[in-house]
Amino acid sequence: MKTYEKPVVILNKELCEGVYMASGAQEEASSVEAAKAIVANWGGGNGQATFTFATGVSGRAKIEMTFTEDITNAWGNGYEIQKATSKSFSCETNASTVVVYVQTNKVEDIQVKSITCTAV
């Protein structure tokens, strides 16, 4: 037979469980608005516009933008466009303020439909 050992409870007031619970936590996606400026209007609706906004995320952010009109090209300073469709694109950047350049056939009409910035 085994000898019975009485269980012992140890209390440690300096133990911090919160560190473990927070590990792996991510900032929630933020939705932001962009300021538009027409950089070039080549006539017939063709042109280039910029959209400037703050990500609201500390550190690296994934940016997803959707436009009201088709875009023919999109780029920015310091990041690569990862995925583009006719009216949207996504990228990752460390910049807290982002400037996106787009070319479109409707430069006067194009607006940002949505922007989502998520910490990565």
N, C-alpha and C. Protein backbone atom coordinates (compact mmCIF):
# COMPACT_ATOMS: atom_id res chain seq x y z
N MET A 1 0.82 -1.19 0.00
CA MET A 1 0.00 0.00 0.00
C MET A 1 0.86 1.24 0.00
N LYS A 2 0.32 2.27 -0.68
CA LYS A 2 1.03 3.54 -0.73
C LYS A 2 0.70 4.36 0.50
N THR A 3 1.63 5.18 0.86
CA THR A 3 1.41 6.08 2.00
C THR A 3 0.65 7.30 1.51
N TYR A 4 -0.39 7.68 2.24
CA TYR A 4 -1.19 8.85 1.88
C TYR A 4 -0.37 10.12 2.10
N GLU A 5 -0.41 11.00 1.06
CA GLU A 5 0.23 12.30 1.18
C GLU A 5 -0.85 13.36 1.07
N LYS A 6 -0.88 14.22 2.03
CA LYS A 6 -1.88 15.28 2.06
C LYS A 6 -1.54 16.31 0.97
N PRO A 7 -2.53 16.68 0.12
CA PRO A 7 -2.27 17.69 -0.91
C PRO A 7 -1.90 19.04 -0.28
N VAL A 8 -1.05 19.77 -0.99
CA VAL A 8 -0.60 21.07 -0.50
C VAL A 8 -1.02 22.13 -1.50
N VAL A 9 -1.62 23.19 -1.02
CA VAL A 9 -2.00 24.32 -1.87
C VAL A 9 -1.00 25.44 -1.61
N ILE A 10 -0.43 25.95 -2.69
CA ILE A 10 0.54 27.04 -2.56
C ILE A 10 -0.08 28.30 -3.13
N LEU A 11 -0.02 29.37 -2.41
CA LEU A 11 -0.56 30.66 -2.84
C LEU A 11 0.60 31.57 -3.20
N ASN A 12 0.58 32.08 -4.41
CA ASN A 12 1.63 32.99 -4.86
C ASN A 12 0.96 34.23 -5.39
N LYS A 13 1.01 35.31 -4.66
CA LYS A 13 0.33 36.55 -5.05
C LYS A 13 1.02 37.25 -6.22
N GLU A 14 2.25 36.89 -6.52
CA GLU A 14 2.99 37.54 -7.60
C GLU A 14 2.78 36.86 -8.94
N LEU A 15 2.09 35.76 -8.97
CA LEU A 15 1.83 35.04 -10.21
C LEU A 15 0.87 35.84 -11.07
N CYS A 16 1.17 35.96 -12.35
CA CYS A 16 0.34 36.78 -13.23
C CYS A 16 -0.16 35.93 -14.39
N GLU A 17 -1.38 35.51 -14.32
CA GLU A 17 -1.99 34.70 -15.38
C GLU A 17 -2.31 35.54 -16.61
N GLY A 18 -2.48 36.83 -16.43
CA GLY A 18 -2.86 37.71 -17.54
C GLY A 18 -1.87 37.67 -18.68
N VAL A 19 -0.62 37.43 -18.41
CA VAL A 19 0.39 37.37 -19.45
C VAL A 19 0.07 36.24 -20.41
N TYR A 20 -0.34 35.10 -19.86
CA TYR A 20 -0.64 33.96 -20.71
C TYR A 20 -1.94 34.15 -21.48
N MET A 21 -2.89 34.78 -20.86
CA MET A 21 -4.18 34.99 -21.53
C MET A 21 -4.05 35.98 -22.67
N ALA A 22 -3.15 36.94 -22.57
CA ALA A 22 -3.02 37.96 -23.60
C ALA A 22 -2.11 37.53 -24.73
N SER A 23 -1.29 36.51 -24.53
CA SER A 23 -0.35 36.14 -25.58
C SER A 23 -1.13 35.68 -26.81
N GLY A 24 -0.68 36.14 -27.97
CA GLY A 24 -1.36 35.80 -29.20
C GLY A 24 -2.54 36.69 -29.52
N ALA A 25 -2.87 37.61 -28.64
CA ALA A 25 -3.99 38.51 -28.90
C ALA A 25 -3.64 39.45 -30.04
N GLN A 26 -4.61 39.79 -30.85
CA GLN A 26 -4.40 40.72 -31.96
C GLN A 26 -5.30 41.91 -31.79
N GLU A 27 -4.81 43.05 -32.34
CA GLU A 27 -5.66 44.23 -32.34
C GLU A 27 -6.81 43.98 -33.30
N GLU A 28 -7.96 44.50 -32.96
CA GLU A 28 -9.10 44.33 -33.85
C GLU A 28 -8.93 45.21 -35.08
N ALA A 29 -9.59 44.83 -36.15
CA ALA A 29 -9.53 45.61 -37.37
C ALA A 29 -10.18 46.97 -37.13
N SER A 30 -9.57 47.98 -37.72
CA SER A 30 -10.16 49.30 -37.60
C SER A 30 -10.61 49.76 -38.98
N SER A 31 -11.64 50.51 -39.02
CA SER A 31 -12.16 51.05 -40.26
C SER A 31 -11.84 52.54 -40.27
N VAL A 32 -11.27 53.02 -41.36
CA VAL A 32 -10.82 54.41 -41.43
C VAL A 32 -11.33 55.07 -42.70
N GLU A 33 -11.21 56.38 -42.75
CA GLU A 33 -11.58 57.14 -43.95
C GLU A 33 -10.34 57.75 -44.57
N ALA A 34 -10.37 57.92 -45.89
CA ALA A 34 -9.21 58.43 -46.61
C ALA A 34 -9.53 59.77 -47.26
N ALA A 35 -8.52 60.64 -47.30
CA ALA A 35 -8.64 61.92 -47.99
C ALA A 35 -8.21 61.72 -49.44
N LYS A 36 -9.03 62.20 -50.39
CA LYS A 36 -8.75 62.02 -51.81
C LYS A 36 -8.15 63.29 -52.40
N ALA A 37 -7.18 63.10 -53.29
CA ALA A 37 -6.63 64.21 -54.07
C ALA A 37 -6.40 63.71 -55.50
N ILE A 38 -6.84 64.48 -56.48
CA ILE A 38 -6.61 64.11 -57.88
C ILE A 38 -5.23 64.62 -58.27
N VAL A 39 -4.36 63.70 -58.66
CA VAL A 39 -2.99 64.03 -59.01
C VAL A 39 -2.90 64.39 -60.49
N ALA A 40 -3.63 63.67 -61.33
CA ALA A 40 -3.59 63.91 -62.77
C ALA A 40 -4.94 63.59 -63.38
N ASN A 41 -5.37 64.46 -64.30
CA ASN A 41 -6.59 64.22 -65.06
C ASN A 41 -6.21 64.34 -66.52
N TRP A 42 -6.12 63.18 -67.19
CA TRP A 42 -5.64 63.15 -68.56
C TRP A 42 -6.76 63.31 -69.58
N GLY A 43 -7.97 63.58 -69.12
CA GLY A 43 -9.10 63.76 -70.02
C GLY A 43 -9.85 62.46 -70.26
N GLY A 44 -11.10 62.59 -70.61
CA GLY A 44 -11.93 61.42 -70.87
C GLY A 44 -12.17 60.57 -69.63
N GLY A 45 -11.95 61.13 -68.44
CA GLY A 45 -12.14 60.41 -67.20
C GLY A 45 -10.88 59.71 -66.70
N ASN A 46 -9.89 59.56 -67.59
CA ASN A 46 -8.65 58.88 -67.20
C ASN A 46 -7.82 59.78 -66.29
N GLY A 47 -7.25 59.17 -65.25
CA GLY A 47 -6.41 59.96 -64.37
C GLY A 47 -5.86 59.16 -63.21
N GLN A 48 -5.24 59.90 -62.31
CA GLN A 48 -4.60 59.30 -61.15
C GLN A 48 -5.02 60.06 -59.91
N ALA A 49 -5.35 59.33 -58.85
CA ALA A 49 -5.75 59.94 -57.59
C ALA A 49 -4.95 59.32 -56.45
N THR A 50 -4.82 60.07 -55.36
CA THR A 50 -4.21 59.51 -54.15
C THR A 50 -5.25 59.50 -53.04
N PHE A 51 -5.10 58.54 -52.16
CA PHE A 51 -5.94 58.44 -50.96
C PHE A 51 -5.00 58.31 -49.78
N THR A 52 -5.11 59.21 -48.82
CA THR A 52 -4.22 59.23 -47.66
C THR A 52 -5.03 58.96 -46.40
N PHE A 53 -4.51 58.10 -45.53
CA PHE A 53 -5.20 57.78 -44.28
C PHE A 53 -4.22 57.24 -43.26
N ALA A 54 -4.61 57.31 -41.98
CA ALA A 54 -3.85 56.72 -40.88
C ALA A 54 -4.41 55.34 -40.60
N THR A 55 -3.54 54.36 -40.39
CA THR A 55 -4.00 52.98 -40.20
C THR A 55 -4.68 52.77 -38.85
N GLY A 56 -4.26 53.50 -37.82
CA GLY A 56 -4.82 53.28 -36.50
C GLY A 56 -4.30 52.01 -35.85
N VAL A 57 -3.26 51.40 -36.44
CA VAL A 57 -2.68 50.16 -35.93
C VAL A 57 -1.22 50.41 -35.59
N SER A 58 -0.78 49.92 -34.43
CA SER A 58 0.64 50.05 -34.09
C SER A 58 1.38 48.84 -34.66
N GLY A 59 2.48 49.10 -35.35
CA GLY A 59 3.24 48.01 -35.97
C GLY A 59 2.75 47.71 -37.38
N ARG A 60 2.98 46.49 -37.82
CA ARG A 60 2.62 46.09 -39.19
C ARG A 60 1.11 45.93 -39.33
N ALA A 61 0.60 46.42 -40.44
CA ALA A 61 -0.85 46.38 -40.69
C ALA A 61 -1.15 45.80 -42.06
N LYS A 62 -2.22 45.03 -42.14
CA LYS A 62 -2.75 44.56 -43.42
C LYS A 62 -3.84 45.55 -43.81
N ILE A 63 -3.74 46.08 -45.01
CA ILE A 63 -4.68 47.06 -45.52
C ILE A 63 -5.52 46.41 -46.62
N GLU A 64 -6.83 46.56 -46.53
CA GLU A 64 -7.73 46.09 -47.57
C GLU A 64 -8.61 47.27 -47.98
N MET A 65 -8.56 47.63 -49.26
CA MET A 65 -9.33 48.77 -49.76
C MET A 65 -10.24 48.33 -50.89
N THR A 66 -11.45 48.91 -50.90
CA THR A 66 -12.40 48.70 -51.99
C THR A 66 -12.83 50.06 -52.50
N PHE A 67 -12.90 50.20 -53.82
CA PHE A 67 -13.26 51.46 -54.45
C PHE A 67 -14.62 51.38 -55.13
N THR A 68 -15.20 52.54 -55.40
CA THR A 68 -16.50 52.59 -56.07
C THR A 68 -16.39 52.38 -57.57
N GLU A 69 -15.19 52.59 -58.13
CA GLU A 69 -14.96 52.45 -59.57
C GLU A 69 -13.81 51.48 -59.81
N ASP A 70 -13.72 50.97 -61.04
CA ASP A 70 -12.61 50.08 -61.40
C ASP A 70 -11.29 50.84 -61.34
N ILE A 71 -10.23 50.15 -60.89
CA ILE A 71 -8.90 50.72 -60.91
C ILE A 71 -8.06 49.93 -61.90
N THR A 72 -7.17 50.62 -62.61
CA THR A 72 -6.31 49.95 -63.57
C THR A 72 -4.93 49.67 -62.99
N ASN A 73 -4.56 50.41 -61.93
CA ASN A 73 -3.27 50.23 -61.29
C ASN A 73 -3.35 50.81 -59.88
N ALA A 74 -2.58 50.25 -58.96
CA ALA A 74 -2.54 50.77 -57.59
C ALA A 74 -1.16 50.52 -57.01
N TRP A 75 -0.65 51.48 -56.24
CA TRP A 75 0.64 51.31 -55.58
C TRP A 75 0.75 52.30 -54.43
N GLY A 76 1.79 52.16 -53.66
CA GLY A 76 2.02 53.06 -52.53
C GLY A 76 3.49 53.15 -52.23
N ASN A 77 3.84 53.95 -51.22
CA ASN A 77 5.24 54.06 -50.88
C ASN A 77 5.59 53.09 -49.76
N GLY A 78 6.56 52.22 -50.03
CA GLY A 78 7.06 51.32 -49.01
C GLY A 78 6.33 50.00 -48.90
N TYR A 79 5.46 49.65 -49.80
CA TYR A 79 4.79 48.36 -49.72
C TYR A 79 4.39 47.89 -51.11
N GLU A 80 4.16 46.60 -51.22
CA GLU A 80 3.73 46.00 -52.47
C GLU A 80 2.26 45.64 -52.38
N ILE A 81 1.58 45.79 -53.48
CA ILE A 81 0.20 45.34 -53.56
C ILE A 81 0.23 43.82 -53.63
N GLN A 82 -0.47 43.16 -52.70
CA GLN A 82 -0.45 41.70 -52.65
C GLN A 82 -1.53 41.07 -53.51
N LYS A 83 -2.66 41.71 -53.57
CA LYS A 83 -3.78 41.12 -54.30
C LYS A 83 -4.59 42.27 -54.85
N ALA A 84 -4.92 42.21 -56.12
CA ALA A 84 -5.73 43.28 -56.70
C ALA A 84 -6.84 42.69 -57.57
N THR A 85 -8.00 43.30 -57.50
CA THR A 85 -9.10 42.98 -58.40
C THR A 85 -9.45 44.28 -59.09
N SER A 86 -10.52 44.30 -59.83
CA SER A 86 -10.86 45.51 -60.56
C SER A 86 -11.24 46.67 -59.64
N LYS A 87 -11.76 46.38 -58.43
CA LYS A 87 -12.19 47.45 -57.54
C LYS A 87 -11.58 47.37 -56.14
N SER A 88 -10.61 46.49 -55.93
CA SER A 88 -10.05 46.38 -54.58
C SER A 88 -8.61 45.90 -54.62
N PHE A 89 -7.92 46.06 -53.50
CA PHE A 89 -6.59 45.50 -53.35
C PHE A 89 -6.25 45.36 -51.88
N SER A 90 -5.19 44.59 -51.60
CA SER A 90 -4.71 44.47 -50.23
C SER A 90 -3.19 44.54 -50.23
N CYS A 91 -2.63 44.95 -49.10
CA CYS A 91 -1.19 45.05 -48.94
C CYS A 91 -0.86 45.01 -47.46
N GLU A 92 0.43 44.92 -47.14
CA GLU A 92 0.90 45.04 -45.77
C GLU A 92 1.93 46.14 -45.70
N THR A 93 1.93 46.88 -44.59
CA THR A 93 2.86 47.99 -44.43
C THR A 93 3.15 48.24 -42.96
N ASN A 94 4.29 48.86 -42.69
CA ASN A 94 4.64 49.30 -41.34
C ASN A 94 4.31 50.77 -41.14
N ALA A 95 3.91 51.45 -42.19
CA ALA A 95 3.64 52.89 -42.11
C ALA A 95 2.37 53.17 -41.32
N SER A 96 2.41 54.19 -40.47
CA SER A 96 1.21 54.55 -39.72
C SER A 96 0.29 55.43 -40.56
N THR A 97 0.88 56.18 -41.51
CA THR A 97 0.10 56.96 -42.47
C THR A 97 0.38 56.39 -43.85
N VAL A 98 -0.67 56.05 -44.57
CA VAL A 98 -0.53 55.38 -45.86
C VAL A 98 -1.03 56.30 -46.96
N VAL A 99 -0.28 56.33 -48.07
CA VAL A 99 -0.70 57.03 -49.28
C VAL A 99 -0.81 55.99 -50.38
N VAL A 100 -2.01 55.86 -50.94
CA VAL A 100 -2.26 54.89 -52.01
C VAL A 100 -2.52 55.67 -53.29
N TYR A 101 -1.82 55.30 -54.34
CA TYR A 101 -2.00 55.91 -55.66
C TYR A 101 -2.80 54.95 -56.52
N VAL A 102 -3.82 55.43 -57.19
CA VAL A 102 -4.60 54.59 -58.09
C VAL A 102 -4.77 55.29 -59.43
N GLN A 103 -4.81 54.49 -60.48
CA GLN A 103 -5.16 54.99 -61.81
C GLN A 103 -6.50 54.39 -62.17
N THR A 104 -7.33 55.21 -62.81
CA THR A 104 -8.69 54.78 -63.12
C THR A 104 -9.19 55.50 -64.36
N ASN A 105 -10.27 54.99 -64.92
CA ASN A 105 -10.92 55.64 -66.05
C ASN A 105 -12.02 56.58 -65.60
N LYS A 106 -12.21 56.72 -64.28
CA LYS A 106 -13.23 57.62 -63.72
C LYS A 106 -12.64 58.38 -62.54
N VAL A 107 -11.59 59.15 -62.81
CA VAL A 107 -10.84 59.82 -61.73
C VAL A 107 -11.69 60.81 -60.93
N GLU A 108 -12.65 61.45 -61.58
CA GLU A 108 -13.51 62.41 -60.87
C GLU A 108 -14.50 61.70 -59.94
N ASP A 109 -14.92 60.50 -60.32
CA ASP A 109 -15.97 59.79 -59.58
C ASP A 109 -15.47 58.82 -58.52
N ILE A 110 -14.24 58.36 -58.66
CA ILE A 110 -13.77 57.29 -57.77
C ILE A 110 -13.72 57.75 -56.31
N GLN A 111 -14.20 56.87 -55.44
CA GLN A 111 -14.18 57.09 -53.99
C GLN A 111 -13.79 55.78 -53.32
N VAL A 112 -13.37 55.87 -52.09
CA VAL A 112 -13.10 54.65 -51.32
C VAL A 112 -14.42 54.16 -50.73
N LYS A 113 -14.75 52.93 -51.02
CA LYS A 113 -15.97 52.33 -50.47
C LYS A 113 -15.70 51.82 -49.06
N SER A 114 -14.53 51.20 -48.86
CA SER A 114 -14.18 50.72 -47.52
C SER A 114 -12.67 50.54 -47.40
N ILE A 115 -12.17 50.74 -46.19
CA ILE A 115 -10.77 50.47 -45.84
C ILE A 115 -10.79 49.72 -44.52
N THR A 116 -10.07 48.62 -44.48
CA THR A 116 -9.91 47.88 -43.24
C THR A 116 -8.43 47.72 -42.96
N CYS A 117 -8.02 48.06 -41.74
CA CYS A 117 -6.63 47.91 -41.32
C CYS A 117 -6.60 46.95 -40.14
N THR A 118 -5.80 45.88 -40.27
CA THR A 118 -5.71 44.85 -39.23
C THR A 118 -4.25 44.64 -38.87
N ALA A 119 -3.94 44.54 -37.58
CA ALA A 119 -2.59 44.25 -37.14
C ALA A 119 -2.19 42.84 -37.55
N VAL A 120 -0.96 42.70 -38.04
CA VAL A 120 -0.45 41.37 -38.43
C VAL A 120 0.83 41.05 -37.68
